[in-house]
Amino acid sequence: MTASRDGLQVGRGDADRVEPGSVVQSRGSRQPTVLSAVLNLNLALAFFLELAVLAFVGMWAFGLTDQPFVRVLTVAGALAVFIAGWALFGAPRATVRLPGPAKVSFFLLWFGLGALALAGAGHPIGAVLFFLGYLLNLALVSLRPRS
């Protein structure tokens, strides 16, 4: 692949491989395809869903107690556990590379616990909608070309 002057990558044939996060373009066109636009928007959605899990865990931990000092410790502890789990297993450059089925299981657990935290914070309908959004995101990720 070569880079054009506007920063988009242009392929030169079937042998080219698409790197994750790059813009996929149709052959002979400088304009991104509709599918590539959807897939790139899906990457942004995935990022915001990952951040939402942290927000939901923080909301849930905040509501566990009325004592201010204990609240701070509870929120910090819950977020530290989730951030460490993400850094170890879920991040693109995770410390531990999980094989396919284990990685899918981790993501289902991660987003499932996020949905449970949101439900525990008093928003059960939002939790269901959040998890459905994650499942849609997961389905769209499977459409991304493999590198």
C-alpha atoms as a PDB file:
ATOM      1  CA  MET A   1       0.000   0.000   0.000  1.00  0.00           C
ATOM      2  CA  THR A   2       1.075   3.510  -0.649  1.00  0.00           C
ATOM      3  CA  ALA A   3      -0.030   6.689   1.034  1.00  0.00           C
ATOM      4  CA  SER A   4      -1.684   9.365  -1.021  1.00  0.00           C
ATOM      5  CA  ARG A   5      -1.197  13.037  -0.320  1.00  0.00           C
ATOM      6  CA  ASP A   6      -4.379  13.213   1.797  1.00  0.00           C
ATOM      7  CA  GLY A   7      -3.194  10.408   4.080  1.00  0.00           C
ATOM      8  CA  LEU A   8      -5.604   7.712   2.855  1.00  0.00           C
ATOM      9  CA  GLN A   9      -4.069   4.428   1.837  1.00  0.00           C
ATOM     10  CA  VAL A  10      -4.587   3.291  -1.725  1.00  0.00           C
ATOM     11  CA  GLY A  11      -4.209  -0.381  -2.653  1.00  0.00           C
ATOM     12  CA  ARG A  12      -2.431  -1.658  -5.740  1.00  0.00           C
ATOM     13  CA  GLY A  13      -4.009  -5.088  -6.101  1.00  0.00           C
ATOM     14  CA  ASP A  14      -5.410  -8.170  -4.402  1.00  0.00           C
ATOM     15  CA  ALA A  15      -2.124  -8.912  -2.622  1.00  0.00           C
ATOM     16  CA  ASP A  16      -2.425  -5.766  -0.491  1.00  0.00           C
ATOM     17  CA  ARG A  17      -3.415  -6.274   3.102  1.00  0.00           C
ATOM     18  CA  VAL A  18      -5.475  -3.842   5.102  1.00  0.00           C
ATOM     19  CA  GLU A  19      -4.048  -2.870   8.462  1.00  0.00           C
ATOM     20  CA  PRO A  20      -6.503  -2.554  11.362  1.00  0.00           C
ATOM     21  CA  GLY A  21      -7.738   1.007  11.639  1.00  0.00           C
ATOM     22  CA  SER A  22      -6.798   1.948   8.078  1.00  0.00           C
ATOM     23  CA  VAL A  23      -9.360   3.269   5.629  1.00  0.00           C
ATOM     24  CA  VAL A  24     -10.488   0.602   3.164  1.00  0.00           C
ATOM     25  CA  GLN A  25     -11.031   1.922  -0.329  1.00  0.00           C
ATOM     26  CA  SER A  26     -12.618   0.493  -3.419  1.00  0.00           C
ATOM     27  CA  ARG A  27     -10.292  -0.333  -6.290  1.00  0.00           C
ATOM     28  CA  GLY A  28      -9.615   2.596  -8.600  1.00  0.00           C
ATOM     29  CA  SER A  29     -11.354   5.100  -6.355  1.00  0.00           C
ATOM     30  CA  ARG A  30      -9.967   7.613  -3.897  1.00  0.00           C
ATOM     31  CA  GLN A  31     -13.275   7.683  -2.021  1.00  0.00           C
ATOM     32  CA  PRO A  32     -13.836   5.266   0.896  1.00  0.00           C
ATOM     33  CA  THR A  33     -16.554   2.673   0.370  1.00  0.00           C
ATOM     34  CA  VAL A  34     -19.739   2.714   2.423  1.00  0.00           C
ATOM     35  CA  LEU A  35     -18.690  -0.500   4.152  1.00  0.00           C
ATOM     36  CA  SER A  36     -15.329   0.970   5.128  1.00  0.00           C
ATOM     37  CA  ALA A  37     -17.035   4.058   6.538  1.00  0.00           C
ATOM     38  CA  VAL A  38     -19.362   1.874   8.624  1.00  0.00           C
ATOM     39  CA  LEU A  39     -16.446  -0.248   9.834  1.00  0.00           C
ATOM     40  CA  ASN A  40     -14.401   2.811  10.794  1.00  0.00           C
ATOM     41  CA  LEU A  41     -17.379   4.307  12.655  1.00  0.00           C
ATOM     42  CA  ASN A  42     -17.713   0.953  14.386  1.00  0.00           C
ATOM     43  CA  LEU A  43     -14.143   1.288  15.676  1.00  0.00           C
ATOM     44  CA  ALA A  44     -15.080   4.625  17.220  1.00  0.00           C
ATOM     45  CA  LEU A  45     -18.198   3.035  18.724  1.00  0.00           C
ATOM     46  CA  ALA A  46     -16.050   0.239  20.202  1.00  0.00           C
ATOM     47  CA  PHE A  47     -13.795   2.801  21.867  1.00  0.00           C
ATOM     48  CA  PHE A  48     -16.730   4.660  23.413  1.00  0.00           C
ATOM     49  CA  LEU A  49     -18.314   1.394  24.588  1.00  0.00           C
ATOM     50  CA  GLU A  50     -15.033   0.481  26.298  1.00  0.00           C
ATOM     51  CA  LEU A  51     -14.965   3.847  28.068  1.00  0.00           C
ATOM     52  CA  ALA A  52     -18.644   3.511  28.967  1.00  0.00           C
ATOM     53  CA  VAL A  53     -17.889   0.313  30.899  1.00  0.00           C
ATOM     54  CA  LEU A  54     -15.488   2.273  33.090  1.00  0.00           C
ATOM     55  CA  ALA A  55     -18.082   5.008  33.614  1.00  0.00           C
ATOM     56  CA  PHE A  56     -20.749   2.444  34.538  1.00  0.00           C
ATOM     57  CA  VAL A  57     -18.452   0.681  37.000  1.00  0.00           C
ATOM     58  CA  GLY A  58     -17.656   4.058  38.568  1.00  0.00           C
ATOM     59  CA  MET A  59     -21.372   4.880  38.847  1.00  0.00           C
ATOM     60  CA  TRP A  60     -22.107   1.520  40.440  1.00  0.00           C
ATOM     61  CA  ALA A  61     -19.223   1.773  42.918  1.00  0.00           C
ATOM     62  CA  PHE A  62     -20.211   5.351  43.811  1.00  0.00           C
ATOM     63  CA  GLY A  63     -23.654   4.175  44.896  1.00  0.00           C
ATOM     64  CA  LEU A  64     -22.428   1.404  47.177  1.00  0.00           C
ATOM     65  CA  THR A  65     -21.937   3.607  50.248  1.00  0.00           C
ATOM     66  CA  ASP A  66     -22.826   7.039  51.610  1.00  0.00           C
ATOM     67  CA  GLN A  67     -19.510   7.704  53.350  1.00  0.00           C
ATOM     68  CA  PRO A  68     -17.439  10.076  51.180  1.00  0.00           C
ATOM     69  CA  PHE A  69     -13.991   8.636  51.968  1.00  0.00           C
ATOM     70  CA  VAL A  70     -15.174   5.063  51.428  1.00  0.00           C
ATOM     71  CA  ARG A  71     -16.873   6.157  48.174  1.00  0.00           C
ATOM     72  CA  VAL A  72     -13.607   7.487  46.815  1.00  0.00           C
ATOM     73  CA  LEU A  73     -11.775   4.285  47.757  1.00  0.00           C
ATOM     74  CA  THR A  74     -14.530   2.084  46.322  1.00  0.00           C
ATOM     75  CA  VAL A  75     -14.655   3.929  43.007  1.00  0.00           C
ATOM     76  CA  ALA A  76     -10.860   4.027  42.723  1.00  0.00           C
ATOM     77  CA  GLY A  77     -10.560   0.339  43.567  1.00  0.00           C
ATOM     78  CA  ALA A  78     -13.261  -0.788  41.163  1.00  0.00           C
ATOM     79  CA  LEU A  79     -11.798   1.302  38.347  1.00  0.00           C
ATOM     80  CA  ALA A  80      -8.280   0.032  39.104  1.00  0.00           C
ATOM     81  CA  VAL A  81      -9.448  -3.584  38.832  1.00  0.00           C
ATOM     82  CA  PHE A  82     -11.205  -2.949  35.515  1.00  0.00           C
ATOM     83  CA  ILE A  83      -8.356  -0.911  34.044  1.00  0.00           C
ATOM     84  CA  ALA A  84      -5.845  -3.598  35.042  1.00  0.00           C
ATOM     85  CA  GLY A  85      -8.023  -6.291  33.486  1.00  0.00           C
ATOM     86  CA  TRP A  86      -8.264  -4.320  30.261  1.00  0.00           C
ATOM     87  CA  ALA A  87      -4.519  -3.665  30.158  1.00  0.00           C
ATOM     88  CA  LEU A  88      -3.741  -7.331  30.782  1.00  0.00           C
ATOM     89  CA  PHE A  89      -6.255  -8.981  28.457  1.00  0.00           C
ATOM     90  CA  GLY A  90      -8.382  -6.606  26.378  1.00  0.00           C
ATOM     91  CA  ALA A  91      -6.243  -3.792  25.007  1.00  0.00           C
ATOM     92  CA  PRO A  92      -4.861  -4.001  21.457  1.00  0.00           C
ATOM     93  CA  ARG A  93      -1.353  -4.202  22.968  1.00  0.00           C
ATOM     94  CA  ALA A  94      -2.394  -6.292  25.969  1.00  0.00           C
ATOM     95  CA  THR A  95       0.230  -7.878  28.182  1.00  0.00           C
ATOM     96  CA  VAL A  96      -1.373 -11.325  27.764  1.00  0.00           C
ATOM     97  CA  ARG A  97      -2.418 -12.291  24.222  1.00  0.00           C
ATOM     98  CA  LEU A  98      -5.546 -14.405  24.513  1.00  0.00           C
ATOM     99  CA  PRO A  99      -6.441 -16.929  21.804  1.00  0.00           C
ATOM    100  CA  GLY A 100      -9.641 -16.246  19.824  1.00  0.00           C
ATOM    101  CA  PRO A 101     -12.286 -17.984  21.997  1.00  0.00           C
ATOM    102  CA  ALA A 102     -10.732 -16.736  25.234  1.00  0.00           C
ATOM    103  CA  LYS A 103     -10.603 -13.176  23.884  1.00  0.00           C
ATOM    104  CA  VAL A 104     -14.273 -13.297  22.882  1.00  0.00           C
ATOM    105  CA  SER A 105     -15.087 -14.670  26.357  1.00  0.00           C
ATOM    106  CA  PHE A 106     -13.124 -11.839  27.981  1.00  0.00           C
ATOM    107  CA  PHE A 107     -14.972  -9.209  25.928  1.00  0.00           C
ATOM    108  CA  LEU A 108     -18.360 -10.765  26.741  1.00  0.00           C
ATOM    109  CA  LEU A 109     -17.418 -10.753  30.428  1.00  0.00           C
ATOM    110  CA  TRP A 110     -16.072  -7.166  30.253  1.00  0.00           C
ATOM    111  CA  PHE A 111     -19.133  -5.691  28.555  1.00  0.00           C
ATOM    112  CA  GLY A 112     -21.520  -7.959  30.480  1.00  0.00           C
ATOM    113  CA  LEU A 113     -20.098  -6.726  33.783  1.00  0.00           C
ATOM    114  CA  GLY A 114     -20.385  -3.170  32.477  1.00  0.00           C
ATOM    115  CA  ALA A 115     -24.060  -3.760  31.713  1.00  0.00           C
ATOM    116  CA  LEU A 116     -24.595  -5.324  35.148  1.00  0.00           C
ATOM    117  CA  ALA A 117     -22.887  -2.345  36.762  1.00  0.00           C
ATOM    118  CA  LEU A 118     -25.214   0.016  34.909  1.00  0.00           C
ATOM    119  CA  ALA A 119     -28.217  -2.052  35.989  1.00  0.00           C
ATOM    120  CA  GLY A 120     -26.877  -2.057  39.554  1.00  0.00           C
ATOM    121  CA  ALA A 121     -26.632   1.734  39.379  1.00  0.00           C
ATOM    122  CA  GLY A 122     -30.378   1.847  38.747  1.00  0.00           C
ATOM    123  CA  HIS A 123     -30.583   1.826  34.936  1.00  0.00           C
ATOM    124  CA  PRO A 124     -31.722  -1.659  33.852  1.00  0.00           C
ATOM    125  CA  ILE A 125     -33.169  -0.578  30.497  1.00  0.00           C
ATOM    126  CA  GLY A 126     -30.000   1.340  29.695  1.00  0.00           C
ATOM    127  CA  ALA A 127     -28.007  -1.768  30.605  1.00  0.00           C
ATOM    128  CA  VAL A 128     -29.959  -3.897  28.135  1.00  0.00           C
ATOM    129  CA  LEU A 129     -29.586  -1.266  25.408  1.00  0.00           C
ATOM    130  CA  PHE A 130     -25.865  -0.965  26.135  1.00  0.00           C
ATOM    131  CA  PHE A 131     -25.313  -4.712  25.836  1.00  0.00           C
ATOM    132  CA  LEU A 132     -27.358  -4.863  22.621  1.00  0.00           C
ATOM    133  CA  GLY A 133     -25.170  -2.047  21.274  1.00  0.00           C
ATOM    134  CA  TYR A 134     -22.111  -4.082  22.166  1.00  0.00           C
ATOM    135  CA  LEU A 135     -23.499  -7.153  20.374  1.00  0.00           C
ATOM    136  CA  LEU A 136     -24.143  -5.030  17.271  1.00  0.00           C
ATOM    137  CA  ASN A 137     -20.583  -3.736  17.526  1.00  0.00           C
ATOM    138  CA  LEU A 138     -19.292  -7.302  17.815  1.00  0.00           C
ATOM    139  CA  ALA A 139     -21.255  -8.356  14.722  1.00  0.00           C
ATOM    140  CA  LEU A 140     -19.842  -5.449  12.700  1.00  0.00           C
ATOM    141  CA  VAL A 141     -16.285  -6.205  13.858  1.00  0.00           C
ATOM    142  CA  SER A 142     -16.619  -9.631  12.236  1.00  0.00           C
ATOM    143  CA  LEU A 143     -17.072  -7.892   8.856  1.00  0.00           C
ATOM    144  CA  ARG A 144     -13.658  -6.172   9.069  1.00  0.00           C
ATOM    145  CA  PRO A 145     -11.101  -7.567   6.610  1.00  0.00           C
ATOM    146  CA  ARG A 146      -8.418  -9.709   8.266  1.00  0.00           C
ATOM    147  CA  SER A 147      -4.823  -8.556   7.972  1.00  0.00           C
END
